[in-house]
Amino acid sequence: MSVSANRIFHCNVNCSSLDTSLRFYESLGLTKVIRTVPSKHQNGNAFGLDVVAWDAWMMHSDDGMEGLSLDLLQWLTPLPTGQAQDVNGDIGFNRLVLYSRDVDAAVKQSIAAGGSLVSEPITFDTGHHPVTVAMVRDPDGLPVQLVQGEKNSIAQIVVNCADLEESVAYYRDVMGLEILMPPMEQSWPGPLFGQDGDINVRAALLRDPGSVFVVALVQWPGVDAATKRERKANELGLFRMAWSTPDCASDEGVIRAAGSVPFVATEELSVGDDLPLLLVLFWPGPNGECLELIETTNRSGAL
């Protein structure tokens, strides 16, 4: 049985400086849409924290509401900590993949906006057609893969898996995603990841039926299970992926029946005095990646 959630709404990236990271993601074609900054501190149990406060912007690509939103967030209480993900096979969230109308220009603009280079644009044959890709890091070091496309779009989130088949089953059967590409072997160009020689992985693609977004599940060779861990909510880099749902409490039952253990039961959360109060649920997915359910209420204000 899968959750009643109707779509993936956003992915959250934690940053050390909201202004700096905004410039970087704007250079990649994303635009600010809604600022979420609660007026006072609130209980942070839903995040696995004590007391929380933040400043954040929701950002859209050319896809608008049909696509994924980026929840770009700077923690104020507690302060940001840790390091962003690296371009390797460590288990959990790994990187964002963005389509770009002009990869060459996007690389130059993003570096000028505070990013750093992993790989200049390269073109390789996927077996179906040639594709131009590049890799940069955001100002806090999070890998962002750029792929030549017809528009600027937040296309994928990459999750490195301890067990690919188990992860596919979870995202299909519990989270309701549709298999776009079943598990198969792929060969990735090493220079894209700052390495010599090709990287052979096993990967699967699952489509969100409610949007244009895709979750890429990847298992690297010789993956070390010890790299699987649950990141703290205020660690830099990718922290959570959120689904919108009409009934968070009911879906909590589905999550628990699947063997997942939420941080706490469904709780109310304020994201701004003039914005609707939310019911939210956070829990670790099969690879330690934080997943979230969001139900919008008809109430608003601070908590």
C-alpha atoms as a PDB file:
ATOM      1  CA  MET A   1       0.000   0.000   0.000  1.00  0.00           C
ATOM      2  CA  SER A   2       1.371   3.404  -0.953  1.00  0.00           C
ATOM      3  CA  VAL A   3       0.788   6.810   0.612  1.00  0.00           C
ATOM      4  CA  SER A   4      -2.009   9.037  -0.675  1.00  0.00           C
ATOM      5  CA  ALA A   5       0.500  11.821  -1.351  1.00  0.00           C
ATOM      6  CA  ASN A   6      -0.115  13.236  -4.806  1.00  0.00           C
ATOM      7  CA  ARG A   7       3.302  14.573  -5.782  1.00  0.00           C
ATOM      8  CA  ILE A   8       6.842  15.425  -4.730  1.00  0.00           C
ATOM      9  CA  PHE A   9       6.672  19.102  -3.830  1.00  0.00           C
ATOM     10  CA  HIS A  10      10.215  20.116  -2.989  1.00  0.00           C
ATOM     11  CA  CYS A  11      13.760  19.157  -2.124  1.00  0.00           C
ATOM     12  CA  ASN A  12      15.533  20.968   0.685  1.00  0.00           C
ATOM     13  CA  VAL A  13      19.115  22.240   0.487  1.00  0.00           C
ATOM     14  CA  ASN A  14      20.646  23.693   3.646  1.00  0.00           C
ATOM     15  CA  CYS A  15      23.128  26.534   3.156  1.00  0.00           C
ATOM     16  CA  SER A  16      25.464  28.610   5.318  1.00  0.00           C
ATOM     17  CA  SER A  17      24.544  31.926   3.655  1.00  0.00           C
ATOM     18  CA  LEU A  18      21.111  32.322   2.078  1.00  0.00           C
ATOM     19  CA  ASP A  19      22.108  35.391   0.044  1.00  0.00           C
ATOM     20  CA  THR A  20      25.200  33.680  -1.375  1.00  0.00           C
ATOM     21  CA  SER A  21      23.367  30.482  -2.280  1.00  0.00           C
ATOM     22  CA  LEU A  22      20.478  32.433  -3.812  1.00  0.00           C
ATOM     23  CA  ARG A  23      22.900  34.081  -6.238  1.00  0.00           C
ATOM     24  CA  PHE A  24      24.301  30.678  -7.195  1.00  0.00           C
ATOM     25  CA  TYR A  25      20.943  29.011  -7.888  1.00  0.00           C
ATOM     26  CA  GLU A  26      19.603  32.098  -9.655  1.00  0.00           C
ATOM     27  CA  SER A  27      22.626  31.864 -11.975  1.00  0.00           C
ATOM     28  CA  LEU A  28      21.317  28.400 -12.953  1.00  0.00           C
ATOM     29  CA  GLY A  29      17.934  29.821 -13.950  1.00  0.00           C
ATOM     30  CA  LEU A  30      15.933  29.352 -10.746  1.00  0.00           C
ATOM     31  CA  THR A  31      13.750  32.160  -9.389  1.00  0.00           C
ATOM     32  CA  LYS A  32      12.635  33.124  -5.875  1.00  0.00           C
ATOM     33  CA  VAL A  33       8.918  32.513  -5.277  1.00  0.00           C
ATOM     34  CA  ILE A  34       7.979  32.378  -1.581  1.00  0.00           C
ATOM     35  CA  ARG A  35      10.010  33.330   1.471  1.00  0.00           C
ATOM     36  CA  THR A  36       9.424  31.141   4.531  1.00  0.00           C
ATOM     37  CA  VAL A  37      10.698  32.750   7.724  1.00  0.00           C
ATOM     38  CA  PRO A  38       8.648  32.087  10.875  1.00  0.00           C
ATOM     39  CA  SER A  39       8.497  35.124  13.187  1.00  0.00           C
ATOM     40  CA  LYS A  40       9.555  33.211  16.283  1.00  0.00           C
ATOM     41  CA  HIS A  41      11.226  30.019  17.426  1.00  0.00           C
ATOM     42  CA  GLN A  42       9.133  26.856  17.561  1.00  0.00           C
ATOM     43  CA  ASN A  43       9.329  23.253  18.673  1.00  0.00           C
ATOM     44  CA  GLY A  44      11.710  21.315  16.423  1.00  0.00           C
ATOM     45  CA  ASN A  45      10.724  17.753  17.298  1.00  0.00           C
ATOM     46  CA  ALA A  46       9.487  17.075  13.765  1.00  0.00           C
ATOM     47  CA  PHE A  47      13.041  17.747  12.520  1.00  0.00           C
ATOM     48  CA  GLY A  48      14.646  15.681  15.264  1.00  0.00           C
ATOM     49  CA  LEU A  49      15.818  18.944  16.891  1.00  0.00           C
ATOM     50  CA  ASP A  50      14.839  20.840  20.050  1.00  0.00           C
ATOM     51  CA  VAL A  51      13.998  24.448  19.112  1.00  0.00           C
ATOM     52  CA  VAL A  52      14.204  25.736  15.531  1.00  0.00           C
ATOM     53  CA  ALA A  53      14.261  28.915  13.469  1.00  0.00           C
ATOM     54  CA  TRP A  54      15.268  29.488   9.864  1.00  0.00           C
ATOM     55  CA  ASP A  55      15.183  31.802   6.858  1.00  0.00           C
ATOM     56  CA  ALA A  56      14.419  30.244   3.484  1.00  0.00           C
ATOM     57  CA  TRP A  57      13.235  30.801  -0.068  1.00  0.00           C
ATOM     58  CA  MET A  58      11.219  28.430  -2.215  1.00  0.00           C
ATOM     59  CA  MET A  59      12.610  28.574  -5.772  1.00  0.00           C
ATOM     60  CA  HIS A  60      11.118  27.467  -9.079  1.00  0.00           C
ATOM     61  CA  SER A  61      12.554  26.570 -12.474  1.00  0.00           C
ATOM     62  CA  ASP A  62      10.946  27.118 -15.879  1.00  0.00           C
ATOM     63  CA  ASP A  63       8.530  24.323 -14.904  1.00  0.00           C
ATOM     64  CA  GLY A  64       6.817  26.521 -12.323  1.00  0.00           C
ATOM     65  CA  MET A  65       4.367  24.644 -10.109  1.00  0.00           C
ATOM     66  CA  GLU A  66       4.465  21.654 -12.474  1.00  0.00           C
ATOM     67  CA  GLY A  67       8.049  21.019 -11.470  1.00  0.00           C
ATOM     68  CA  LEU A  68       9.974  20.590  -8.272  1.00  0.00           C
ATOM     69  CA  SER A  69      10.496  23.484  -5.874  1.00  0.00           C
ATOM     70  CA  LEU A  70      13.875  24.016  -4.236  1.00  0.00           C
ATOM     71  CA  ASP A  71      13.612  24.806  -0.524  1.00  0.00           C
ATOM     72  CA  LEU A  72      16.838  26.749  -0.001  1.00  0.00           C
ATOM     73  CA  LEU A  73      17.222  27.171   3.752  1.00  0.00           C
ATOM     74  CA  GLN A  74      19.638  28.791   6.183  1.00  0.00           C
ATOM     75  CA  TRP A  75      19.325  27.558   9.757  1.00  0.00           C
ATOM     76  CA  LEU A  76      19.343  30.268  12.429  1.00  0.00           C
ATOM     77  CA  THR A  77      18.646  27.983  15.408  1.00  0.00           C
ATOM     78  CA  PRO A  78      20.532  25.733  15.586  1.00  0.00           C
ATOM     79  CA  LEU A  79      23.250  27.058  13.302  1.00  0.00           C
ATOM     80  CA  PRO A  80      24.270  25.089  10.175  1.00  0.00           C
ATOM     81  CA  THR A  81      26.778  22.322  10.738  1.00  0.00           C
ATOM     82  CA  GLY A  82      28.663  19.561   8.917  1.00  0.00           C
ATOM     83  CA  GLN A  83      29.566  19.265   5.260  1.00  0.00           C
ATOM     84  CA  ALA A  84      27.538  18.859   2.096  1.00  0.00           C
ATOM     85  CA  GLN A  85      27.540  15.610   0.135  1.00  0.00           C
ATOM     86  CA  ASP A  86      30.495  14.745  -2.137  1.00  0.00           C
ATOM     87  CA  VAL A  87      30.688  13.381  -5.686  1.00  0.00           C
ATOM     88  CA  ASN A  88      31.117   9.757  -4.642  1.00  0.00           C
ATOM     89  CA  GLY A  89      29.145   6.663  -3.748  1.00  0.00           C
ATOM     90  CA  ASP A  90      28.405   7.481  -0.108  1.00  0.00           C
ATOM     91  CA  ILE A  91      24.924   6.221   0.720  1.00  0.00           C
ATOM     92  CA  GLY A  92      22.047   8.715   0.914  1.00  0.00           C
ATOM     93  CA  PHE A  93      21.169  11.861  -0.997  1.00  0.00           C
ATOM     94  CA  ASN A  94      24.026  12.692  -3.369  1.00  0.00           C
ATOM     95  CA  ARG A  95      23.296  15.548  -5.784  1.00  0.00           C
ATOM     96  CA  LEU A  96      20.768  17.569  -7.728  1.00  0.00           C
ATOM     97  CA  VAL A  97      20.492  17.272 -11.501  1.00  0.00           C
ATOM     98  CA  LEU A  98      19.372  20.370 -13.382  1.00  0.00           C
ATOM     99  CA  TYR A  99      18.573  20.717 -17.067  1.00  0.00           C
ATOM    100  CA  SER A 100      20.066  23.862 -18.545  1.00  0.00           C
ATOM    101  CA  ARG A 101      19.346  25.651 -21.807  1.00  0.00           C
ATOM    102  CA  ASP A 102      23.055  26.470 -22.081  1.00  0.00           C
ATOM    103  CA  VAL A 103      25.407  24.304 -20.019  1.00  0.00           C
ATOM    104  CA  ASP A 104      28.540  26.226 -21.031  1.00  0.00           C
ATOM    105  CA  ALA A 105      27.061  29.545 -19.933  1.00  0.00           C
ATOM    106  CA  ALA A 106      25.576  28.026 -16.774  1.00  0.00           C
ATOM    107  CA  VAL A 107      28.986  26.718 -15.670  1.00  0.00           C
ATOM    108  CA  LYS A 108      30.608  30.125 -16.099  1.00  0.00           C
ATOM    109  CA  GLN A 109      27.757  31.999 -14.436  1.00  0.00           C
ATOM    110  CA  SER A 110      27.515  29.627 -11.481  1.00  0.00           C
ATOM    111  CA  ILE A 111      31.244  29.836 -10.752  1.00  0.00           C
ATOM    112  CA  ALA A 112      31.068  33.640 -10.932  1.00  0.00           C
ATOM    113  CA  ALA A 113      28.179  33.418  -8.449  1.00  0.00           C
ATOM    114  CA  GLY A 114      30.195  31.555  -5.832  1.00  0.00           C
ATOM    115  CA  GLY A 115      30.193  27.967  -7.074  1.00  0.00           C
ATOM    116  CA  SER A 116      33.210  25.813  -7.885  1.00  0.00           C
ATOM    117  CA  LEU A 117      34.051  23.519 -10.783  1.00  0.00           C
ATOM    118  CA  VAL A 118      34.192  19.737 -10.719  1.00  0.00           C
ATOM    119  CA  SER A 119      34.008  19.128 -14.474  1.00  0.00           C
ATOM    120  CA  GLU A 120      33.892  21.344 -17.536  1.00  0.00           C
ATOM    121  CA  PRO A 121      31.122  20.439 -20.018  1.00  0.00           C
ATOM    122  CA  ILE A 122      31.742  17.093 -21.718  1.00  0.00           C
ATOM    123  CA  THR A 123      29.698  15.260 -24.300  1.00  0.00           C
ATOM    124  CA  PHE A 124      29.286  11.495 -24.175  1.00  0.00           C
ATOM    125  CA  ASP A 125      27.106   8.895 -25.870  1.00  0.00           C
ATOM    126  CA  THR A 126      24.392   7.439 -23.650  1.00  0.00           C
ATOM    127  CA  GLY A 127      23.694   4.643 -26.140  1.00  0.00           C
ATOM    128  CA  HIS A 128      20.670   6.511 -27.424  1.00  0.00           C
ATOM    129  CA  HIS A 129      21.996   9.976 -28.192  1.00  0.00           C
ATOM    130  CA  PRO A 130      24.892  12.253 -27.240  1.00  0.00           C
ATOM    131  CA  VAL A 131      24.396  14.391 -24.128  1.00  0.00           C
ATOM    132  CA  THR A 132      26.385  17.327 -22.773  1.00  0.00           C
ATOM    133  CA  VAL A 133      26.899  17.404 -19.007  1.00  0.00           C
ATOM    134  CA  ALA A 134      28.966  19.274 -16.438  1.00  0.00           C
ATOM    135  CA  MET A 135      29.366  19.224 -12.670  1.00  0.00           C
ATOM    136  CA  VAL A 136      29.691  22.173 -10.314  1.00  0.00           C
ATOM    137  CA  ARG A 137      29.429  22.594  -6.556  1.00  0.00           C
ATOM    138  CA  ASP A 138      27.215  25.132  -4.865  1.00  0.00           C
ATOM    139  CA  PRO A 139      28.872  27.587  -2.401  1.00  0.00           C
ATOM    140  CA  ASP A 140      28.704  24.975   0.380  1.00  0.00           C
ATOM    141  CA  GLY A 141      30.111  22.180  -1.781  1.00  0.00           C
ATOM    142  CA  LEU A 142      26.915  20.336  -2.801  1.00  0.00           C
ATOM    143  CA  PRO A 143      27.342  18.676  -6.238  1.00  0.00           C
ATOM    144  CA  VAL A 144      24.976  19.980  -8.911  1.00  0.00           C
ATOM    145  CA  GLN A 145      25.001  18.145 -12.233  1.00  0.00           C
ATOM    146  CA  LEU A 146      24.044  20.179 -15.299  1.00  0.00           C
ATOM    147  CA  VAL A 147      22.556  18.527 -18.375  1.00  0.00           C
ATOM    148  CA  GLN A 148      21.921  20.263 -21.691  1.00  0.00           C
ATOM    149  CA  GLY A 149      18.172  20.584 -22.212  1.00  0.00           C
ATOM    150  CA  GLU A 150      15.450  22.664 -23.801  1.00  0.00           C
ATOM    151  CA  LYS A 151      14.674  24.559 -20.576  1.00  0.00           C
ATOM    152  CA  ASN A 152      15.992  25.230 -17.092  1.00  0.00           C
ATOM    153  CA  SER A 153      14.486  22.525 -14.903  1.00  0.00           C
ATOM    154  CA  ILE A 154      15.132  20.768 -11.594  1.00  0.00           C
ATOM    155  CA  ALA A 155      15.138  17.352 -13.217  1.00  0.00           C
ATOM    156  CA  GLN A 156      16.322  14.767 -10.700  1.00  0.00           C
ATOM    157  CA  ILE A 157      17.625  14.067  -7.250  1.00  0.00           C
ATOM    158  CA  VAL A 158      20.217  11.292  -7.028  1.00  0.00           C
ATOM    159  CA  VAL A 159      20.066   8.876  -4.098  1.00  0.00           C
ATOM    160  CA  ASN A 160      22.989   6.503  -3.574  1.00  0.00           C
ATOM    161  CA  CYS A 161      21.672   3.157  -2.350  1.00  0.00           C
ATOM    162  CA  ALA A 162      22.938   0.363  -0.150  1.00  0.00           C
ATOM    163  CA  ASP A 163      20.561  -2.056  -1.907  1.00  0.00           C
ATOM    164  CA  LEU A 164      19.162  -0.876  -5.252  1.00  0.00           C
ATOM    165  CA  GLU A 165      16.307  -3.372  -5.511  1.00  0.00           C
ATOM    166  CA  GLU A 166      15.166  -2.669  -1.956  1.00  0.00           C
ATOM    167  CA  SER A 167      15.181   1.073  -2.619  1.00  0.00           C
ATOM    168  CA  VAL A 168      13.240   0.687  -5.886  1.00  0.00           C
ATOM    169  CA  ALA A 169      10.602  -1.377  -4.080  1.00  0.00           C
ATOM    170  CA  TYR A 170      10.288   1.226  -1.305  1.00  0.00           C
ATOM    171  CA  TYR A 171       9.882   4.220  -3.605  1.00  0.00           C
ATOM    172  CA  ARG A 172       7.458   2.293  -5.832  1.00  0.00           C
ATOM    173  CA  ASP A 173       5.332   0.470  -3.263  1.00  0.00           C
ATOM    174  CA  VAL A 174       5.377   2.915  -0.336  1.00  0.00           C
ATOM    175  CA  MET A 175       5.895   6.325  -1.966  1.00  0.00           C
ATOM    176  CA  GLY A 176       3.899   5.615  -5.131  1.00  0.00           C
ATOM    177  CA  LEU A 177       6.538   6.438  -7.762  1.00  0.00           C
ATOM    178  CA  GLU A 178       6.442   4.785 -11.179  1.00  0.00           C
ATOM    179  CA  ILE A 179       9.403   2.905 -12.643  1.00  0.00           C
ATOM    180  CA  LEU A 180      10.721   4.803 -15.641  1.00  0.00           C
ATOM    181  CA  MET A 181      13.892   2.726 -16.034  1.00  0.00           C
ATOM    182  CA  PRO A 182      14.302  -0.586 -14.164  1.00  0.00           C
ATOM    183  CA  PRO A 183      17.637  -1.395 -12.497  1.00  0.00           C
ATOM    184  CA  MET A 184      20.361  -1.682 -15.102  1.00  0.00           C
ATOM    185  CA  GLU A 185      24.100  -1.269 -15.469  1.00  0.00           C
ATOM    186  CA  GLN A 186      25.394   2.109 -16.607  1.00  0.00           C
ATOM    187  CA  SER A 187      28.803   3.517 -17.384  1.00  0.00           C
ATOM    188  CA  TRP A 188      29.399   7.132 -16.356  1.00  0.00           C
ATOM    189  CA  PRO A 189      32.340   9.256 -17.561  1.00  0.00           C
ATOM    190  CA  GLY A 190      34.829   9.506 -14.705  1.00  0.00           C
ATOM    191  CA  PRO A 191      35.947  13.074 -15.509  1.00  0.00           C
ATOM    192  CA  LEU A 192      32.406  14.273 -14.698  1.00  0.00           C
ATOM    193  CA  PHE A 193      33.148  13.244 -11.107  1.00  0.00           C
ATOM    194  CA  GLY A 194      36.761  14.397 -11.113  1.00  0.00           C
ATOM    195  CA  GLN A 195      38.017  10.833 -11.609  1.00  0.00           C
ATOM    196  CA  ASP A 196      40.019   9.012 -14.249  1.00  0.00           C
ATOM    197  CA  GLY A 197      38.296   6.243 -16.168  1.00  0.00           C
ATOM    198  CA  ASP A 198      34.621   5.353 -16.414  1.00  0.00           C
ATOM    199  CA  ILE A 199      32.502   4.615 -13.341  1.00  0.00           C
ATOM    200  CA  ASN A 200      30.288   1.542 -13.632  1.00  0.00           C
ATOM    201  CA  VAL A 201      27.140   1.676 -11.516  1.00  0.00           C
ATOM    202  CA  ARG A 202      23.693   0.125 -11.333  1.00  0.00           C
ATOM    203  CA  ALA A 203      20.863   2.608 -11.544  1.00  0.00           C
ATOM    204  CA  ALA A 204      17.098   2.935 -11.798  1.00  0.00           C
ATOM    205  CA  LEU A 205      14.829   5.907 -12.533  1.00  0.00           C
ATOM    206  CA  LEU A 206      11.444   6.424 -10.900  1.00  0.00           C
ATOM    207  CA  ARG A 207       8.980   9.051 -12.076  1.00  0.00           C
ATOM    208  CA  ASP A 208       6.784  11.184  -9.861  1.00  0.00           C
ATOM    209  CA  PRO A 209       3.305  10.818 -11.451  1.00  0.00           C
ATOM    210  CA  GLY A 210       2.236  14.191 -10.057  1.00  0.00           C
ATOM    211  CA  SER A 211       5.025  16.283 -11.621  1.00  0.00           C
ATOM    212  CA  VAL A 212       7.874  16.194 -14.140  1.00  0.00           C
ATOM    213  CA  PHE A 213      10.407  15.166 -11.480  1.00  0.00           C
ATOM    214  CA  VAL A 214      12.473  11.963 -11.409  1.00  0.00           C
ATOM    215  CA  VAL A 215      14.240  10.185  -8.547  1.00  0.00           C
ATOM    216  CA  ALA A 216      17.462   8.465  -9.643  1.00  0.00           C
ATOM    217  CA  LEU A 217      18.479   5.520  -7.462  1.00  0.00           C
ATOM    218  CA  VAL A 218      22.119   4.462  -7.844  1.00  0.00           C
ATOM    219  CA  GLN A 219      24.296   1.721  -6.386  1.00  0.00           C
ATOM    220  CA  TRP A 220      28.026   2.207  -6.782  1.00  0.00           C
ATOM    221  CA  PRO A 221      30.362  -0.821  -6.979  1.00  0.00           C
ATOM    222  CA  GLY A 222      31.840  -1.925  -3.673  1.00  0.00           C
ATOM    223  CA  VAL A 223      29.604   0.465  -1.779  1.00  0.00           C
ATOM    224  CA  ASP A 224      30.501   0.695   1.907  1.00  0.00           C
ATOM    225  CA  ALA A 225      27.382   0.172   4.029  1.00  0.00           C
ATOM    226  CA  ALA A 226      29.118   2.087   6.816  1.00  0.00           C
ATOM    227  CA  THR A 227      28.567   5.325   4.861  1.00  0.00           C
ATOM    228  CA  LYS A 228      24.810   5.002   5.457  1.00  0.00           C
ATOM    229  CA  ARG A 229      23.727   7.405   8.174  1.00  0.00           C
ATOM    230  CA  GLU A 230      20.921   9.757   9.081  1.00  0.00           C
ATOM    231  CA  ARG A 231      22.026  13.345   8.588  1.00  0.00           C
ATOM    232  CA  LYS A 232      20.961  16.013  11.068  1.00  0.00           C
ATOM    233  CA  ALA A 233      18.309  18.460   9.890  1.00  0.00           C
ATOM    234  CA  ASN A 234      20.735  21.405  10.099  1.00  0.00           C
ATOM    235  CA  GLU A 235      23.632  19.759   8.225  1.00  0.00           C
ATOM    236  CA  LEU A 236      24.718  21.530   5.063  1.00  0.00           C
ATOM    237  CA  GLY A 237      23.634  20.082   1.723  1.00  0.00           C
ATOM    238  CA  LEU A 238      20.635  17.991   0.767  1.00  0.00           C
ATOM    239  CA  PHE A 239      18.545  17.009   3.758  1.00  0.00           C
ATOM    240  CA  ARG A 240      14.963  16.120   2.773  1.00  0.00           C
ATOM    241  CA  MET A 241      12.572  15.425  -0.081  1.00  0.00           C
ATOM    242  CA  ALA A 242       8.934  16.330   0.565  1.00  0.00           C
ATOM    243  CA  TRP A 243       5.634  15.010  -0.783  1.00  0.00           C
ATOM    244  CA  SER A 244       2.347  16.931  -0.532  1.00  0.00           C
ATOM    245  CA  THR A 245      -0.525  14.872   0.844  1.00  0.00           C
ATOM    246  CA  PRO A 246      -4.215  15.406   1.628  1.00  0.00           C
ATOM    247  CA  ASP A 247      -3.965  13.339   4.832  1.00  0.00           C
ATOM    248  CA  CYS A 248      -0.654  13.293   6.680  1.00  0.00           C
ATOM    249  CA  ALA A 249      -1.925  11.331   9.687  1.00  0.00           C
ATOM    250  CA  SER A 250      -3.354   8.560   7.506  1.00  0.00           C
ATOM    251  CA  ASP A 251      -0.169   8.348   5.458  1.00  0.00           C
ATOM    252  CA  GLU A 252       1.807   8.111   8.694  1.00  0.00           C
ATOM    253  CA  GLY A 253       0.113   4.746   9.204  1.00  0.00           C
ATOM    254  CA  VAL A 254       1.318   3.607   5.779  1.00  0.00           C
ATOM    255  CA  ILE A 255       4.866   4.723   6.578  1.00  0.00           C
ATOM    256  CA  ARG A 256       4.899   2.890   9.889  1.00  0.00           C
ATOM    257  CA  ALA A 257       3.344  -0.239   8.348  1.00  0.00           C
ATOM    258  CA  ALA A 258       6.245  -0.280   5.870  1.00  0.00           C
ATOM    259  CA  GLY A 259       8.670  -0.514   8.784  1.00  0.00           C
ATOM    260  CA  SER A 260       9.829   3.118   8.747  1.00  0.00           C
ATOM    261  CA  VAL A 261      10.054   5.023  12.023  1.00  0.00           C
ATOM    262  CA  PRO A 262       9.265   8.776  11.942  1.00  0.00           C
ATOM    263  CA  PHE A 263      11.233  11.173  14.129  1.00  0.00           C
ATOM    264  CA  VAL A 264       7.934  11.920  15.928  1.00  0.00           C
ATOM    265  CA  ALA A 265       4.240  11.557  15.076  1.00  0.00           C
ATOM    266  CA  THR A 266       2.612  14.033  12.677  1.00  0.00           C
ATOM    267  CA  GLU A 267       3.094  17.565  14.026  1.00  0.00           C
ATOM    268  CA  GLU A 268       2.018  21.116  13.186  1.00  0.00           C
ATOM    269  CA  LEU A 269       4.628  23.468  11.731  1.00  0.00           C
ATOM    270  CA  SER A 270       4.626  27.194  10.958  1.00  0.00           C
ATOM    271  CA  VAL A 271       6.536  28.378   7.886  1.00  0.00           C
ATOM    272  CA  GLY A 272       5.508  32.032   8.181  1.00  0.00           C
ATOM    273  CA  ASP A 273       2.862  34.154   9.894  1.00  0.00           C
ATOM    274  CA  ASP A 274       0.985  34.837   6.656  1.00  0.00           C
ATOM    275  CA  LEU A 275       1.316  31.301   5.274  1.00  0.00           C
ATOM    276  CA  PRO A 276      -0.835  28.234   6.020  1.00  0.00           C
ATOM    277  CA  LEU A 277       0.133  26.083   8.964  1.00  0.00           C
ATOM    278  CA  LEU A 278       1.356  22.648   7.898  1.00  0.00           C
ATOM    279  CA  LEU A 279       1.040  19.146   9.244  1.00  0.00           C
ATOM    280  CA  VAL A 280       4.367  17.402   8.671  1.00  0.00           C
ATOM    281  CA  LEU A 281       6.029  14.039   9.132  1.00  0.00           C
ATOM    282  CA  PHE A 282       9.767  13.307   8.771  1.00  0.00           C
ATOM    283  CA  TRP A 283      11.438   9.903   8.660  1.00  0.00           C
ATOM    284  CA  PRO A 284      14.593   8.225   7.283  1.00  0.00           C
ATOM    285  CA  GLY A 285      14.181   6.398   3.982  1.00  0.00           C
ATOM    286  CA  PRO A 286      15.880   3.101   3.099  1.00  0.00           C
ATOM    287  CA  ASN A 287      19.268   4.794   2.706  1.00  0.00           C
ATOM    288  CA  GLY A 288      19.066   7.192   5.633  1.00  0.00           C
ATOM    289  CA  GLU A 289      17.763   9.989   3.376  1.00  0.00           C
ATOM    290  CA  CYS A 290      15.144  12.158   5.085  1.00  0.00           C
ATOM    291  CA  LEU A 291      11.677  11.962   3.518  1.00  0.00           C
ATOM    292  CA  GLU A 292       8.797  14.249   4.430  1.00  0.00           C
ATOM    293  CA  LEU A 293       5.027  14.460   4.097  1.00  0.00           C
ATOM    294  CA  ILE A 294       3.282  17.859   4.092  1.00  0.00           C
ATOM    295  CA  GLU A 295      -0.430  18.562   4.532  1.00  0.00           C
ATOM    296  CA  THR A 296      -1.588  22.173   4.135  1.00  0.00           C
ATOM    297  CA  THR A 297      -4.195  23.270   6.685  1.00  0.00           C
ATOM    298  CA  ASN A 298      -6.769  26.070   6.458  1.00  0.00           C
ATOM    299  CA  ARG A 299      -5.125  27.891   9.381  1.00  0.00           C
ATOM    300  CA  SER A 300      -2.173  30.284   9.391  1.00  0.00           C
ATOM    301  CA  GLY A 301       0.091  32.065  11.851  1.00  0.00           C
ATOM    302  CA  ALA A 302       2.951  31.436  14.240  1.00  0.00           C
ATOM    303  CA  LEU A 303       3.101  28.604  16.756  1.00  0.00           C
END
